[in-house]
């Protein structure tokens, strides 16, 4: 069985659509939505779908930090393969079947999927092309749907609890561990970041954060360069020792 783990924080506007598309997926899988202290109606949206969802669907709580949420979901998952999805990513019906065919090769550790950004603007097409180009060099992120065998995930120690670039850092370790594959099945990701923050700001922040992280600059500093795109709702004060909010979701 494949376990799909979706971390959320204030994803009320997109989570129902993501789960609706997942409900049409064929194959044996479960879905765990790991909510990181949302202050909107994210949890209510998920709970409303649980009774009619065609596969096991669970809503679990975690502290607000994407890496911690992903690790917590993996701990609770029942499957022998893990698929980590962003809350605003839409999957096609054959996504689980494609993973099953790929994982029949016992040497495969994991991988990701082809990714297209929604919309037909030239910038959406450019970012789609850029993602495909950098994948040839083993560079990809969580928005393209990272999947990994559970035994490999556990051997690697899961995601490091850093506030940004946790997906990229995990991917680099997985790429060194063994063979991966980019499946041609296309996921669709939201273009909300550059619709809200502008093309130039988004592009520069991506380049700057990636470059500085590769140079060894700590993720805690880089998180300040990558602003969140979700609407904040009367967020309560953070408790002492609470992890820094995850800005990369």
Protein backbone atom coordinates (compact mmCIF):
# COMPACT_ATOMS: atom_id res chain seq x y z
CA UNK A 1 0.00 0.00 0.00
CA UNK A 2 1.04 3.59 -0.66
CA UNK A 3 0.61 6.21 2.05
CA UNK A 4 0.07 9.79 0.88
CA UNK A 5 1.12 12.42 3.41
CA UNK A 6 -0.10 16.02 2.96
CA UNK A 7 1.12 18.72 5.36
CA UNK A 8 -1.24 21.66 5.77
CA UNK A 9 -1.32 25.08 7.30
CA UNK A 10 -4.26 27.38 6.45
CA UNK A 11 -5.11 25.49 3.25
CA UNK A 12 -8.89 25.87 3.48
CA UNK A 13 -9.05 27.30 -0.05
CA UNK A 14 -7.31 24.37 -1.78
CA UNK A 15 -7.41 21.17 0.31
CA UNK A 16 -10.91 20.06 -0.75
CA UNK A 17 -9.96 20.24 -4.43
CA UNK A 18 -6.74 18.29 -3.83
CA UNK A 19 -8.61 15.55 -1.99
CA UNK A 20 -11.35 15.46 -4.62
CA UNK A 21 -8.76 14.62 -7.28
CA UNK A 22 -7.12 12.05 -5.00
CA UNK A 23 -10.50 10.38 -4.50
CA UNK A 24 -10.46 9.54 -8.22
CA UNK A 25 -7.02 7.90 -8.09
CA UNK A 26 -6.91 4.18 -8.80
CA UNK A 27 -4.99 1.73 -6.64
CA UNK A 28 -4.38 0.81 -3.02
CA UNK A 29 -3.55 3.86 -0.90
CA UNK A 30 -4.38 5.87 2.18
CA UNK A 31 -4.23 9.62 2.80
CA UNK A 32 -2.96 11.36 5.93
CA UNK A 33 -3.51 15.10 6.19
CA UNK A 34 -1.13 16.40 8.86
CA UNK A 35 -2.33 19.80 9.98
CA UNK A 36 0.11 22.20 11.58
CA UNK A 37 -2.14 24.31 13.81
CA UNK A 38 -4.22 25.93 11.07
CA UNK A 39 -6.26 28.92 12.16
CA UNK A 40 -8.77 28.68 9.31
CA UNK A 41 -11.22 25.94 8.30
CA UNK A 42 -8.69 23.45 6.91
CA UNK A 43 -9.48 20.78 9.48
CA UNK A 44 -13.22 21.13 8.98
CA UNK A 45 -12.86 20.71 5.22
CA UNK A 46 -10.94 17.47 5.69
CA UNK A 47 -13.24 16.08 8.38
CA UNK A 48 -16.27 16.70 6.17
CA UNK A 49 -14.78 14.47 3.46
CA UNK A 50 -13.72 11.55 5.66
CA UNK A 51 -17.10 9.70 5.70
CA UNK A 52 -17.42 9.58 1.90
CA UNK A 53 -13.77 9.37 0.84
CA UNK A 54 -13.24 6.08 -1.08
CA UNK A 55 -9.95 5.26 0.67
CA UNK A 56 -8.79 5.59 4.29
CA UNK A 57 -8.46 9.31 5.05
CA UNK A 58 -7.12 10.60 8.36
CA UNK A 59 -6.63 14.07 9.81
CA UNK A 60 -3.85 14.26 12.38
CA UNK A 61 -2.35 17.17 14.28
CA UNK A 62 1.27 18.27 14.55
CA UNK A 63 3.30 21.35 15.40
CA UNK A 64 3.58 23.85 12.60
CA UNK A 65 6.75 22.92 10.78
CA UNK A 66 6.55 21.15 7.43
CA UNK A 67 9.41 18.73 8.07
CA UNK A 68 7.97 17.73 11.46
CA UNK A 69 4.54 17.31 9.90
CA UNK A 70 5.91 15.09 7.13
CA UNK A 71 7.87 12.96 9.59
CA UNK A 72 4.84 12.62 11.87
CA UNK A 73 2.68 11.50 8.95
CA UNK A 74 5.31 8.96 7.93
CA UNK A 75 5.36 7.54 11.48
CA UNK A 76 1.60 7.00 11.41
CA UNK A 77 1.46 5.71 7.84
CA UNK A 78 0.69 2.05 7.17
CA UNK A 79 2.11 1.78 3.67
CA UNK A 80 5.47 0.47 2.55
CA UNK A 81 5.86 3.44 0.17
CA UNK A 82 5.40 7.11 1.09
CA UNK A 83 4.23 9.87 -1.24
CA UNK A 84 4.59 13.43 0.07
CA UNK A 85 2.27 15.95 -1.60
CA UNK A 86 1.74 19.68 -1.22
CA UNK A 87 -1.79 20.72 -0.36
CA UNK A 88 -2.25 22.70 -3.59
CA UNK A 89 -1.10 19.96 -6.00
CA UNK A 90 -3.59 18.17 -8.25
CA UNK A 91 -2.88 14.56 -9.22
CA UNK A 92 -4.21 12.54 -12.18
CA UNK A 93 -6.15 9.26 -11.68
CA UNK A 94 -3.19 7.04 -12.67
CA UNK A 95 -0.67 8.47 -10.17
CA UNK A 96 -0.75 5.45 -7.82
CA UNK A 97 -0.65 2.94 -10.66
CA UNK A 98 2.39 4.68 -12.14
CA UNK A 99 4.21 4.47 -8.82
CA UNK A 100 3.39 0.79 -8.51
CA UNK A 101 4.83 0.02 -11.95
CA UNK A 102 7.99 2.00 -11.24
CA UNK A 103 8.55 0.42 -7.84
CA UNK A 104 8.42 -3.05 -9.35
CA UNK A 105 12.10 -2.39 -10.00
CA UNK A 106 13.45 -3.39 -6.62
CA UNK A 107 16.56 -1.22 -6.95
CA UNK A 108 14.54 2.00 -7.21
CA UNK A 109 14.65 4.12 -4.02
CA UNK A 110 12.02 6.65 -5.01
CA UNK A 111 11.65 9.75 -7.12
CA UNK A 112 9.11 12.34 -8.20
CA UNK A 113 6.72 13.29 -11.01
CA UNK A 114 6.60 15.59 -13.98
CA UNK A 115 5.22 18.96 -12.88
CA UNK A 116 3.23 21.64 -14.67
CA UNK A 117 2.05 24.91 -13.19
CA UNK A 118 -1.59 25.79 -13.71
CA UNK A 119 -2.45 28.52 -16.16
CA UNK A 120 -1.32 29.28 -19.68
CA UNK A 121 0.80 32.40 -19.22
CA UNK A 122 4.33 32.49 -20.58
CA UNK A 123 5.68 32.53 -17.02
CA UNK A 124 3.72 29.43 -16.07
CA UNK A 125 5.18 27.71 -19.14
CA UNK A 126 8.66 28.99 -18.26
CA UNK A 127 8.54 27.64 -14.69
CA UNK A 128 7.21 24.32 -15.99
CA UNK A 129 10.15 24.13 -18.42
CA UNK A 130 12.64 25.14 -15.71
CA UNK A 131 11.44 22.35 -13.41
CA UNK A 132 11.90 19.76 -16.14
CA UNK A 133 15.33 21.09 -17.05
CA UNK A 134 16.74 21.01 -13.53
CA UNK A 135 15.31 17.52 -12.90
CA UNK A 136 17.87 16.21 -15.38
CA UNK A 137 20.49 17.21 -12.82
CA UNK A 138 18.65 15.50 -9.95
CA UNK A 139 17.21 18.77 -8.62
CA UNK A 140 13.56 18.77 -7.58
CA UNK A 141 11.31 19.82 -4.72
CA UNK A 142 8.23 18.75 -2.82
CA UNK A 143 5.78 20.36 -5.23
CA UNK A 144 6.62 17.61 -7.75
CA UNK A 145 5.50 14.87 -5.36
CA UNK A 146 8.41 13.12 -3.65
CA UNK A 147 7.91 9.37 -3.23
CA UNK A 148 10.22 6.98 -1.40
CA UNK A 149 10.20 3.45 -0.08
CA UNK A 150 9.57 3.44 3.66
CA UNK A 151 12.74 1.46 4.40
CA UNK A 152 14.80 4.06 2.51
CA UNK A 153 13.04 6.92 4.28
CA UNK A 154 13.78 5.38 7.66
CA UNK A 155 17.38 4.61 6.70
CA UNK A 156 17.87 8.27 5.73
CA UNK A 157 16.33 9.49 8.98
CA UNK A 158 13.43 11.34 7.36
CA UNK A 159 13.30 15.09 6.81
CA UNK A 160 15.55 17.37 8.79
CA UNK A 161 13.46 19.79 10.90
CA UNK A 162 14.66 22.96 9.20
CA UNK A 163 12.31 25.83 8.32
CA UNK A 164 12.99 25.81 4.56
CA UNK A 165 14.65 23.61 1.91
CA UNK A 166 13.78 20.48 3.89
CA UNK A 167 12.49 18.81 0.72
CA UNK A 168 15.57 19.69 -1.32
CA UNK A 169 17.91 18.55 1.46
CA UNK A 170 16.11 15.21 1.71
CA UNK A 171 16.17 14.74 -2.06
CA UNK A 172 19.94 15.30 -2.16
CA UNK A 173 20.44 12.51 0.38
CA UNK A 174 18.02 10.19 -1.45
CA UNK A 175 19.79 10.83 -4.76
CA UNK A 176 23.09 9.79 -3.19
CA UNK A 177 21.53 6.72 -1.58
CA UNK A 178 20.37 5.00 -4.76
CA UNK A 179 18.51 5.18 -8.10
CA UNK A 180 15.52 7.51 -8.47
CA UNK A 181 13.12 8.17 -11.33
CA UNK A 182 11.02 11.08 -12.56
CA UNK A 183 7.70 9.58 -13.65
CA UNK A 184 6.06 11.12 -16.75
CA UNK A 185 2.69 11.32 -15.00
CA UNK A 186 1.96 15.04 -14.70
CA UNK A 187 1.07 16.76 -11.44
CA UNK A 188 -0.39 20.27 -11.56
CA UNK A 189 0.79 22.85 -9.03
CA UNK A 190 -0.76 26.19 -8.16
CA UNK A 191 0.81 29.40 -9.43
CA UNK A 192 -0.44 31.30 -6.37
CA UNK A 193 3.03 32.35 -5.23
CA UNK A 194 3.84 34.58 -8.18
CA UNK A 195 0.21 35.66 -8.57
CA UNK A 196 0.40 37.05 -5.02
CA UNK A 197 4.04 38.15 -4.83
CA UNK A 198 4.94 38.87 -8.44
CA UNK A 199 7.15 37.10 -10.95
CA UNK A 200 10.39 38.99 -10.30
CA UNK A 201 10.24 38.68 -6.51
CA UNK A 202 9.41 34.97 -6.74
CA UNK A 203 12.16 34.20 -9.24
CA UNK A 204 14.82 36.13 -7.33
CA UNK A 205 13.87 34.54 -4.02
CA UNK A 206 14.11 31.05 -5.53
CA UNK A 207 17.52 31.73 -7.03
CA UNK A 208 18.85 33.43 -3.90
CA UNK A 209 17.61 30.81 -1.44
CA UNK A 210 18.83 27.90 -3.58
CA UNK A 211 22.25 29.48 -4.11
CA UNK A 212 22.82 30.45 -0.48
CA UNK A 213 21.65 27.07 0.81
CA UNK A 214 24.07 25.33 -1.56
CA UNK A 215 26.82 27.56 -0.13
CA UNK A 216 26.04 26.35 3.38
CA UNK A 217 24.03 29.30 4.71
CA UNK A 218 21.77 27.99 7.55
CA UNK A 219 18.12 27.49 6.66
CA UNK A 220 16.96 29.58 9.64
CA UNK A 221 18.44 32.68 7.98
CA UNK A 222 17.13 31.80 4.53
CA UNK A 223 13.56 31.39 5.77
CA UNK A 224 13.39 35.17 6.17
CA UNK A 225 13.85 35.55 2.41
CA UNK A 226 10.89 33.35 1.49
CA UNK A 227 7.59 34.80 2.63
CA UNK A 228 4.49 32.58 3.10
CA UNK A 229 1.57 32.86 0.68
CA UNK A 230 -1.27 31.78 2.96
CA UNK A 231 -3.71 34.09 4.63
CA UNK A 232 -3.01 34.42 8.35
CA UNK A 233 -5.95 34.26 10.74
CA UNK A 234 -5.56 35.49 14.30
CA UNK A 235 -2.60 33.21 14.92
CA UNK A 236 -2.07 32.53 18.66
CA UNK A 237 1.24 33.38 20.26
CA UNK A 238 3.87 30.70 19.84
CA UNK A 239 4.68 28.70 22.92
CA UNK A 240 8.23 28.74 24.28
CA UNK A 241 10.33 26.26 22.35
CA UNK A 242 7.79 26.10 19.50
CA UNK A 243 9.43 25.41 16.10
CA UNK A 244 9.79 28.36 13.77
CA UNK A 245 6.84 28.47 11.32
CA UNK A 246 7.50 26.63 8.07
CA UNK A 247 7.75 29.16 5.27
CA UNK A 248 8.34 26.80 2.40
CA UNK A 249 4.92 25.18 2.21
